[in-house]
Every structure is written in C-alpha cells, then in structure tokens.
Amino acid sequence: MVIELTLMSRSYCHLCHDMEAALAPLLHEFGASLSVLDVDADPALEAKYDELVPVLLHGDTELCHYFLDEAKTREYLAGIR
C-alpha cells in the first residue's frame, strides 16, 4: 500500500518549496507519494488553508503546517505503515 500525502501549497511560497524539499527523504524512506495542490487554484482550498500554507495532510489528518515536523511525520508514517 502506497501512503499518499498531500501538500497544500502556493507557487510563490518559499516555505512551501522548503517543506516539499524537506519531505523528499521521508517520501523515499516510507515509499510514500506526494500530491501538491495549489490552494490559489481552488476557492474552497484557499478559504480553508489560506494563511496556513504549507499544510501537509494524510487524508483529512493534518500532520503539520508552516514547517515540516520531521519527527512527528516520521512517527505518523511509521504508525500507518
């Protein structure tokens, strides 16, 4: 089973780019995939996540926002593996 994570992002957001880059080793380690969604492309996503981006999600579970919490994310991924 592939773990599918979602990153709520913006194209001009340096924190978003930083989180995506920081996630790469964890994605590789856990064999997870990442979908990056631009909140500005969807009014509903923009309304929900506007000031929180970047937001890392697994389904409806928010793992972290603003910065990657590597320890929390690793623990979460290990628990669902």
PDB file of N, CA and C in Angstrom:
ATOM      1  N   MET A   1       0.836  -1.189   0.000  1.00  0.00           N
ATOM      2  CA  MET A   1       0.000   0.000   0.000  1.00  0.00           C
ATOM      3  C   MET A   1       0.878   1.249   0.000  1.00  0.00           C
ATOM      4  N   VAL A   2       0.644   2.115  -0.950  1.00  0.00           N
ATOM      5  CA  VAL A   2       1.397   3.365  -1.031  1.00  0.00           C
ATOM      6  C   VAL A   2       0.707   4.419  -0.169  1.00  0.00           C
ATOM      7  N   ILE A   3       1.469   5.061   0.683  1.00  0.00           N
ATOM      8  CA  ILE A   3       0.953   6.145   1.512  1.00  0.00           C
ATOM      9  C   ILE A   3       0.901   7.394   0.641  1.00  0.00           C
ATOM     10  N   GLU A   4      -0.264   7.999   0.552  1.00  0.00           N
ATOM     11  CA  GLU A   4      -0.428   9.200  -0.268  1.00  0.00           C
ATOM     12  C   GLU A   4      -0.606  10.423   0.620  1.00  0.00           C
ATOM     13  N   LEU A   5       0.341  11.336   0.522  1.00  0.00           N
ATOM     14  CA  LEU A   5       0.300  12.582   1.271  1.00  0.00           C
ATOM     15  C   LEU A   5      -0.073  13.722   0.330  1.00  0.00           C
ATOM     16  N   THR A   6      -0.623  14.776   0.896  1.00  0.00           N
ATOM     17  CA  THR A   6      -0.997  15.952   0.115  1.00  0.00           C
ATOM     18  C   THR A   6      -0.356  17.173   0.757  1.00  0.00           C
ATOM     19  N   LEU A   7       0.241  18.009  -0.069  1.00  0.00           N
ATOM     20  CA  LEU A   7       0.821  19.259   0.390  1.00  0.00           C
ATOM     21  C   LEU A   7       0.015  20.408  -0.199  1.00  0.00           C
ATOM     22  N   MET A   8      -0.654  21.152   0.678  1.00  0.00           N
ATOM     23  CA  MET A   8      -1.355  22.357   0.260  1.00  0.00           C
ATOM     24  C   MET A   8      -0.288  23.444   0.135  1.00  0.00           C
ATOM     25  N   SER A   9      -0.220  24.050  -1.029  1.00  0.00           N
ATOM     26  CA  SER A   9       0.922  24.885  -1.365  1.00  0.00           C
ATOM     27  C   SER A   9       0.497  26.103  -2.174  1.00  0.00           C
ATOM     28  N   ARG A  10       1.460  26.956  -2.425  1.00  0.00           N
ATOM     29  CA  ARG A  10       1.320  28.076  -3.358  1.00  0.00           C
ATOM     30  C   ARG A  10       2.595  28.122  -4.194  1.00  0.00           C
ATOM     31  N   SER A  11       2.461  28.512  -5.439  1.00  0.00           N
ATOM     32  CA  SER A  11       3.619  28.515  -6.334  1.00  0.00           C
ATOM     33  C   SER A  11       4.684  29.514  -5.911  1.00  0.00           C
ATOM     34  N   TYR A  12       4.309  30.602  -5.271  1.00  0.00           N
ATOM     35  CA  TYR A  12       5.262  31.653  -4.893  1.00  0.00           C
ATOM     36  C   TYR A  12       5.691  31.579  -3.428  1.00  0.00           C
ATOM     37  N   CYS A  13       5.370  30.504  -2.740  1.00  0.00           N
ATOM     38  CA  CYS A  13       5.599  30.376  -1.295  1.00  0.00           C
ATOM     39  C   CYS A  13       6.910  29.641  -1.021  1.00  0.00           C
ATOM     40  N   HIS A  14       7.892  30.348  -0.471  1.00  0.00           N
ATOM     41  CA  HIS A  14       9.186  29.699  -0.206  1.00  0.00           C
ATOM     42  C   HIS A  14       9.074  28.658   0.895  1.00  0.00           C
ATOM     43  N   LEU A  15       8.197  28.849   1.879  1.00  0.00           N
ATOM     44  CA  LEU A  15       8.005  27.824   2.907  1.00  0.00           C
ATOM     45  C   LEU A  15       7.444  26.540   2.293  1.00  0.00           C
ATOM     46  N   CYS A  16       6.580  26.700   1.311  1.00  0.00           N
ATOM     47  CA  CYS A  16       6.004  25.544   0.612  1.00  0.00           C
ATOM     48  C   CYS A  16       7.090  24.757  -0.116  1.00  0.00           C
ATOM     49  N   HIS A  17       7.952  25.465  -0.809  1.00  0.00           N
ATOM     50  CA  HIS A  17       9.047  24.829  -1.545  1.00  0.00           C
ATOM     51  C   HIS A  17       9.997  24.146  -0.567  1.00  0.00           C
ATOM     52  N   ASP A  18      10.258  24.813   0.573  1.00  0.00           N
ATOM     53  CA  ASP A  18      11.145  24.232   1.578  1.00  0.00           C
ATOM     54  C   ASP A  18      10.566  22.936   2.151  1.00  0.00           C
ATOM     55  N   MET A  19       9.254  22.948   2.445  1.00  0.00           N
ATOM     56  CA  MET A  19       8.640  21.748   3.008  1.00  0.00           C
ATOM     57  C   MET A  19       8.661  20.610   1.991  1.00  0.00           C
ATOM     58  N   GLU A  20       8.381  20.912   0.743  1.00  0.00           N
ATOM     59  CA  GLU A  20       8.394  19.869  -0.290  1.00  0.00           C
ATOM     60  C   GLU A  20       9.790  19.254  -0.402  1.00  0.00           C
ATOM     61  N   ALA A  21      10.818  20.081  -0.376  1.00  0.00           N
ATOM     62  CA  ALA A  21      12.190  19.564  -0.461  1.00  0.00           C
ATOM     63  C   ALA A  21      12.545  18.746   0.780  1.00  0.00           C
ATOM     64  N   ALA A  22      12.137  19.214   1.954  1.00  0.00           N
ATOM     65  CA  ALA A  22      12.440  18.508   3.198  1.00  0.00           C
ATOM     66  C   ALA A  22      11.716  17.163   3.282  1.00  0.00           C
ATOM     67  N   LEU A  23      10.583  17.050   2.595  1.00  0.00           N
ATOM     68  CA  LEU A  23       9.817  15.802   2.589  1.00  0.00           C
ATOM     69  C   LEU A  23      10.452  14.700   1.756  1.00  0.00           C
ATOM     70  N   ALA A  24      11.266  15.050   0.790  1.00  0.00           N
ATOM     71  CA  ALA A  24      11.806  14.077  -0.165  1.00  0.00           C
ATOM     72  C   ALA A  24      12.426  12.852   0.513  1.00  0.00           C
ATOM     73  N   PRO A  25      13.291  13.024   1.516  1.00  0.00           N
ATOM     74  CA  PRO A  25      13.872  11.829   2.146  1.00  0.00           C
ATOM     75  C   PRO A  25      12.831  10.948   2.843  1.00  0.00           C
ATOM     76  N   LEU A  26      11.831  11.558   3.469  1.00  0.00           N
ATOM     77  CA  LEU A  26      10.787  10.781   4.138  1.00  0.00           C
ATOM     78  C   LEU A  26       9.928  10.026   3.123  1.00  0.00           C
ATOM     79  N   LEU A  27       9.618  10.669   2.012  1.00  0.00           N
ATOM     80  CA  LEU A  27       8.847  10.008   0.968  1.00  0.00           C
ATOM     81  C   LEU A  27       9.587   8.769   0.482  1.00  0.00           C
ATOM     82  N   HIS A  28      10.877   8.928   0.274  1.00  0.00           N
ATOM     83  CA  HIS A  28      11.702   7.808  -0.180  1.00  0.00           C
ATOM     84  C   HIS A  28      11.757   6.708   0.885  1.00  0.00           C
ATOM     85  N   GLU A  29      11.998   7.101   2.130  1.00  0.00           N
ATOM     86  CA  GLU A  29      12.127   6.147   3.230  1.00  0.00           C
ATOM     87  C   GLU A  29      10.866   5.298   3.404  1.00  0.00           C
ATOM     88  N   PHE A  30       9.700   5.919   3.276  1.00  0.00           N
ATOM     89  CA  PHE A  30       8.443   5.221   3.524  1.00  0.00           C
ATOM     90  C   PHE A  30       7.725   4.795   2.245  1.00  0.00           C
ATOM     91  N   GLY A  31       8.330   5.052   1.093  1.00  0.00           N
ATOM     92  CA  GLY A  31       7.703   4.689  -0.169  1.00  0.00           C
ATOM     93  C   GLY A  31       6.389   5.419  -0.384  1.00  0.00           C
ATOM     94  N   ALA A  32       6.324   6.647   0.109  1.00  0.00           N
ATOM     95  CA  ALA A  32       5.105   7.447   0.025  1.00  0.00           C
ATOM     96  C   ALA A  32       5.113   8.305  -1.230  1.00  0.00           C
ATOM     97  N   SER A  33       3.922   8.729  -1.627  1.00  0.00           N
ATOM     98  CA  SER A  33       3.808   9.648  -2.759  1.00  0.00           C
ATOM     99  C   SER A  33       3.283  10.986  -2.242  1.00  0.00           C
ATOM    100  N   LEU A  34       3.497  12.029  -3.032  1.00  0.00           N
ATOM    101  CA  LEU A  34       3.082  13.369  -2.639  1.00  0.00           C
ATOM    102  C   LEU A  34       2.344  14.041  -3.786  1.00  0.00           C
ATOM    103  N   SER A  35       1.155  14.538  -3.475  1.00  0.00           N
ATOM    104  CA  SER A  35       0.412  15.383  -4.401  1.00  0.00           C
ATOM    105  C   SER A  35       0.509  16.807  -3.878  1.00  0.00           C
ATOM    106  N   VAL A  36       0.887  17.721  -4.746  1.00  0.00           N
ATOM    107  CA  VAL A  36       0.985  19.128  -4.365  1.00  0.00           C
ATOM    108  C   VAL A  36      -0.188  19.866  -4.992  1.00  0.00           C
ATOM    109  N   LEU A  37      -1.012  20.471  -4.146  1.00  0.00           N
ATOM    110  CA  LEU A  37      -2.177  21.207  -4.618  1.00  0.00           C
ATOM    111  C   LEU A  37      -1.978  22.690  -4.375  1.00  0.00           C
ATOM    112  N   ASP A  38      -2.224  23.486  -5.401  1.00  0.00           N
ATOM    113  CA  ASP A  38      -2.116  24.939  -5.303  1.00  0.00           C
ATOM    114  C   ASP A  38      -3.434  25.472  -4.747  1.00  0.00           C
ATOM    115  N   VAL A  39      -3.409  25.990  -3.528  1.00  0.00           N
ATOM    116  CA  VAL A  39      -4.645  26.468  -2.900  1.00  0.00           C
ATOM    117  C   VAL A  39      -5.257  27.635  -3.667  1.00  0.00           C
ATOM    118  N   ASP A  40      -4.446  28.388  -4.387  1.00  0.00           N
ATOM    119  CA  ASP A  40      -4.960  29.531  -5.134  1.00  0.00           C
ATOM    120  C   ASP A  40      -5.767  29.118  -6.363  1.00  0.00           C
ATOM    121  N   ALA A  41      -5.678  27.848  -6.740  1.00  0.00           N
ATOM    122  CA  ALA A  41      -6.410  27.359  -7.909  1.00  0.00           C
ATOM    123  C   ALA A  41      -7.831  26.914  -7.562  1.00  0.00           C
ATOM    124  N   ASP A  42      -8.143  26.878  -6.264  1.00  0.00           N
ATOM    125  CA  ASP A  42      -9.456  26.391  -5.827  1.00  0.00           C
ATOM    126  C   ASP A  42      -9.955  27.285  -4.694  1.00  0.00           C
ATOM    127  N   PRO A  43     -11.022  28.041  -4.907  1.00  0.00           N
ATOM    128  CA  PRO A  43     -11.522  28.953  -3.867  1.00  0.00           C
ATOM    129  C   PRO A  43     -11.823  28.266  -2.533  1.00  0.00           C
ATOM    130  N   ALA A  44     -12.304  27.038  -2.560  1.00  0.00           N
ATOM    131  CA  ALA A  44     -12.595  26.324  -1.311  1.00  0.00           C
ATOM    132  C   ALA A  44     -11.318  26.004  -0.546  1.00  0.00           C
ATOM    133  N   LEU A  45     -10.281  25.564  -1.269  1.00  0.00           N
ATOM    134  CA  LEU A  45      -8.991  25.285  -0.620  1.00  0.00           C
ATOM    135  C   LEU A  45      -8.359  26.570  -0.103  1.00  0.00           C
ATOM    136  N   GLU A  46      -8.463  27.633  -0.887  1.00  0.00           N
ATOM    137  CA  GLU A  46      -7.905  28.914  -0.458  1.00  0.00           C
ATOM    138  C   GLU A  46      -8.589  29.396   0.818  1.00  0.00           C
ATOM    139  N   ALA A  47      -9.904  29.261   0.876  1.00  0.00           N
ATOM    140  CA  ALA A  47     -10.643  29.699   2.062  1.00  0.00           C
ATOM    141  C   ALA A  47     -10.241  28.876   3.295  1.00  0.00           C
ATOM    142  N   LYS A  48     -10.020  27.591   3.101  1.00  0.00           N
ATOM    143  CA  LYS A  48      -9.707  26.704   4.230  1.00  0.00           C
ATOM    144  C   LYS A  48      -8.255  26.819   4.702  1.00  0.00           C
ATOM    145  N   TYR A  49      -7.316  26.933   3.758  1.00  0.00           N
ATOM    146  CA  TYR A  49      -5.887  26.849   4.097  1.00  0.00           C
ATOM    147  C   TYR A  49      -5.118  28.149   3.895  1.00  0.00           C
ATOM    148  N   ASP A  50      -5.774  29.224   3.549  1.00  0.00           N
ATOM    149  CA  ASP A  50      -5.148  30.471   3.129  1.00  0.00           C
ATOM    150  C   ASP A  50      -3.897  30.853   3.916  1.00  0.00           C
ATOM    151  N   GLU A  51      -4.029  31.088   5.194  1.00  0.00           N
ATOM    152  CA  GLU A  51      -2.896  31.567   5.997  1.00  0.00           C
ATOM    153  C   GLU A  51      -2.056  30.443   6.602  1.00  0.00           C
ATOM    154  N   LEU A  52      -2.440  29.191   6.385  1.00  0.00           N
ATOM    155  CA  LEU A  52      -1.725  28.062   6.995  1.00  0.00           C
ATOM    156  C   LEU A  52      -0.661  27.445   6.095  1.00  0.00           C
ATOM    157  N   VAL A  53      -0.719  27.708   4.791  1.00  0.00           N
ATOM    158  CA  VAL A  53       0.188  27.008   3.872  1.00  0.00           C
ATOM    159  C   VAL A  53       1.645  27.263   4.218  1.00  0.00           C
ATOM    160  N   PRO A  54       2.457  26.250   4.009  1.00  0.00           N
ATOM    161  CA  PRO A  54       2.138  24.910   3.531  1.00  0.00           C
ATOM    162  C   PRO A  54       1.499  24.056   4.631  1.00  0.00           C
ATOM    163  N   VAL A  55       0.614  23.171   4.203  1.00  0.00           N
ATOM    164  CA  VAL A  55      -0.043  22.226   5.103  1.00  0.00           C
ATOM    165  C   VAL A  55       0.162  20.830   4.538  1.00  0.00           C
ATOM    166  N   LEU A  56       0.682  19.938   5.378  1.00  0.00           N
ATOM    167  CA  LEU A  56       0.888  18.548   4.973  1.00  0.00           C
ATOM    168  C   LEU A  56      -0.239  17.703   5.537  1.00  0.00           C
ATOM    169  N   LEU A  57      -0.893  16.950   4.653  1.00  0.00           N
ATOM    170  CA  LEU A  57      -2.051  16.139   5.035  1.00  0.00           C
ATOM    171  C   LEU A  57      -1.870  14.685   4.633  1.00  0.00           C
ATOM    172  N   HIS A  58      -2.474  13.818   5.415  1.00  0.00           N
ATOM    173  CA  HIS A  58      -2.701  12.435   5.010  1.00  0.00           C
ATOM    174  C   HIS A  58      -4.208  12.254   5.131  1.00  0.00           C
ATOM    175  N   GLY A  59      -4.885  12.242   3.995  1.00  0.00           N
ATOM    176  CA  GLY A  59      -6.346  12.255   4.016  1.00  0.00           C
ATOM    177  C   GLY A  59      -6.811  13.551   4.668  1.00  0.00           C
ATOM    178  N   ASP A  60      -7.607  13.434   5.711  1.00  0.00           N
ATOM    179  CA  ASP A  60      -8.088  14.608   6.445  1.00  0.00           C
ATOM    180  C   ASP A  60      -7.231  14.934   7.662  1.00  0.00           C
ATOM    181  N   THR A  61      -6.175  14.161   7.885  1.00  0.00           N
ATOM    182  CA  THR A  61      -5.312  14.366   9.045  1.00  0.00           C
ATOM    183  C   THR A  61      -4.210  15.362   8.714  1.00  0.00           C
ATOM    184  N   GLU A  62      -4.188  16.468   9.453  1.00  0.00           N
ATOM    185  CA  GLU A  62      -3.130  17.458   9.268  1.00  0.00           C
ATOM    186  C   GLU A  62      -1.904  17.015  10.058  1.00  0.00           C
ATOM    187  N   LEU A  63      -0.796  16.832   9.361  1.00  0.00           N
ATOM    188  CA  LEU A  63       0.442  16.404  10.015  1.00  0.00           C
ATOM    189  C   LEU A  63       1.247  17.595  10.511  1.00  0.00           C
ATOM    190  N   CYS A  64       1.272  18.679   9.748  1.00  0.00           N
ATOM    191  CA  CYS A  64       1.980  19.888  10.161  1.00  0.00           C
ATOM    192  C   CYS A  64       1.663  21.008   9.175  1.00  0.00           C
ATOM    193  N   HIS A  65       1.976  22.226   9.600  1.00  0.00           N
ATOM    194  CA  HIS A  65       1.854  23.363   8.691  1.00  0.00           C
ATOM    195  C   HIS A  65       2.988  24.340   8.979  1.00  0.00           C
ATOM    196  N   TYR A  66       3.243  25.221   8.034  1.00  0.00           N
ATOM    197  CA  TYR A  66       4.354  26.182   8.024  1.00  0.00           C
ATOM    198  C   TYR A  66       5.708  25.503   7.808  1.00  0.00           C
ATOM    199  N   PHE A  67       6.064  24.564   8.684  1.00  0.00           N
ATOM    200  CA  PHE A  67       7.354  23.888   8.597  1.00  0.00           C
ATOM    201  C   PHE A  67       7.137  22.386   8.784  1.00  0.00           C
ATOM    202  N   LEU A  68       7.977  21.577   8.164  1.00  0.00           N
ATOM    203  CA  LEU A  68       7.890  20.137   8.321  1.00  0.00           C
ATOM    204  C   LEU A  68       8.301  19.756   9.741  1.00  0.00           C
ATOM    205  N   ASP A  69       7.418  19.090  10.446  1.00  0.00           N
ATOM    206  CA  ASP A  69       7.749  18.495  11.735  1.00  0.00           C
ATOM    207  C   ASP A  69       8.200  17.065  11.423  1.00  0.00           C
ATOM    208  N   GLU A  70       9.492  16.920  11.186  1.00  0.00           N
ATOM    209  CA  GLU A  70      10.017  15.647  10.700  1.00  0.00           C
ATOM    210  C   GLU A  70       9.775  14.512  11.682  1.00  0.00           C
ATOM    211  N   ALA A  71       9.999  14.752  12.974  1.00  0.00           N
ATOM    212  CA  ALA A  71       9.821  13.692  13.971  1.00  0.00           C
ATOM    213  C   ALA A  71       8.363  13.240  14.023  1.00  0.00           C
ATOM    214  N   LYS A  72       7.437  14.184  14.057  1.00  0.00           N
ATOM    215  CA  LYS A  72       6.009  13.847  14.117  1.00  0.00           C
ATOM    216  C   LYS A  72       5.578  13.124  12.841  1.00  0.00           C
ATOM    217  N   THR A  73       6.048  13.603  11.698  1.00  0.00           N
ATOM    218  CA  THR A  73       5.672  12.991  10.422  1.00  0.00           C
ATOM    219  C   THR A  73       6.238  11.588  10.313  1.00  0.00           C
ATOM    220  N   ARG A  74       7.483  11.394  10.728  1.00  0.00           N
ATOM    221  CA  ARG A  74       8.107  10.062  10.694  1.00  0.00           C
ATOM    222  C   ARG A  74       7.348   9.102  11.614  1.00  0.00           C
ATOM    223  N   GLU A  75       7.009   9.559  12.808  1.00  0.00           N
ATOM    224  CA  GLU A  75       6.274   8.716  13.757  1.00  0.00           C
ATOM    225  C   GLU A  75       4.894   8.346  13.183  1.00  0.00           C
ATOM    226  N   TYR A  76       4.228   9.310  12.590  1.00  0.00           N
ATOM    227  CA  TYR A  76       2.914   9.060  11.991  1.00  0.00           C
ATOM    228  C   TYR A  76       3.022   8.044  10.859  1.00  0.00           C
ATOM    229  N   LEU A  77       3.966   8.247   9.954  1.00  0.00           N
ATOM    230  CA  LEU A  77       4.133   7.336   8.821  1.00  0.00           C
ATOM    231  C   LEU A  77       4.492   5.931   9.274  1.00  0.00           C
ATOM    232  N   ALA A  78       5.334   5.821  10.289  1.00  0.00           N
ATOM    233  CA  ALA A  78       5.696   4.505  10.808  1.00  0.00           C
ATOM    234  C   ALA A  78       4.487   3.792  11.409  1.00  0.00           C
ATOM    235  N   GLY A  79       3.587   4.571  11.986  1.00  0.00           N
ATOM    236  CA  GLY A  79       2.400   4.007  12.626  1.00  0.00           C
ATOM    237  C   GLY A  79       1.352   3.514  11.658  1.00  0.00           C
ATOM    238  N   ILE A  80       1.344   4.042  10.436  1.00  0.00           N
ATOM    239  CA  ILE A  80       0.329   3.618   9.463  1.00  0.00           C
ATOM    240  C   ILE A  80       0.883   2.651   8.426  1.00  0.00           C
ATOM    241  N   ARG A  81       2.135   2.405   8.487  1.00  0.00           N
ATOM    242  CA  ARG A  81       2.785   1.547   7.506  1.00  0.00           C
ATOM    243  C   ARG A  81       2.259   0.154   7.558  1.00  0.00           C
TER     244      ARG A  81
END
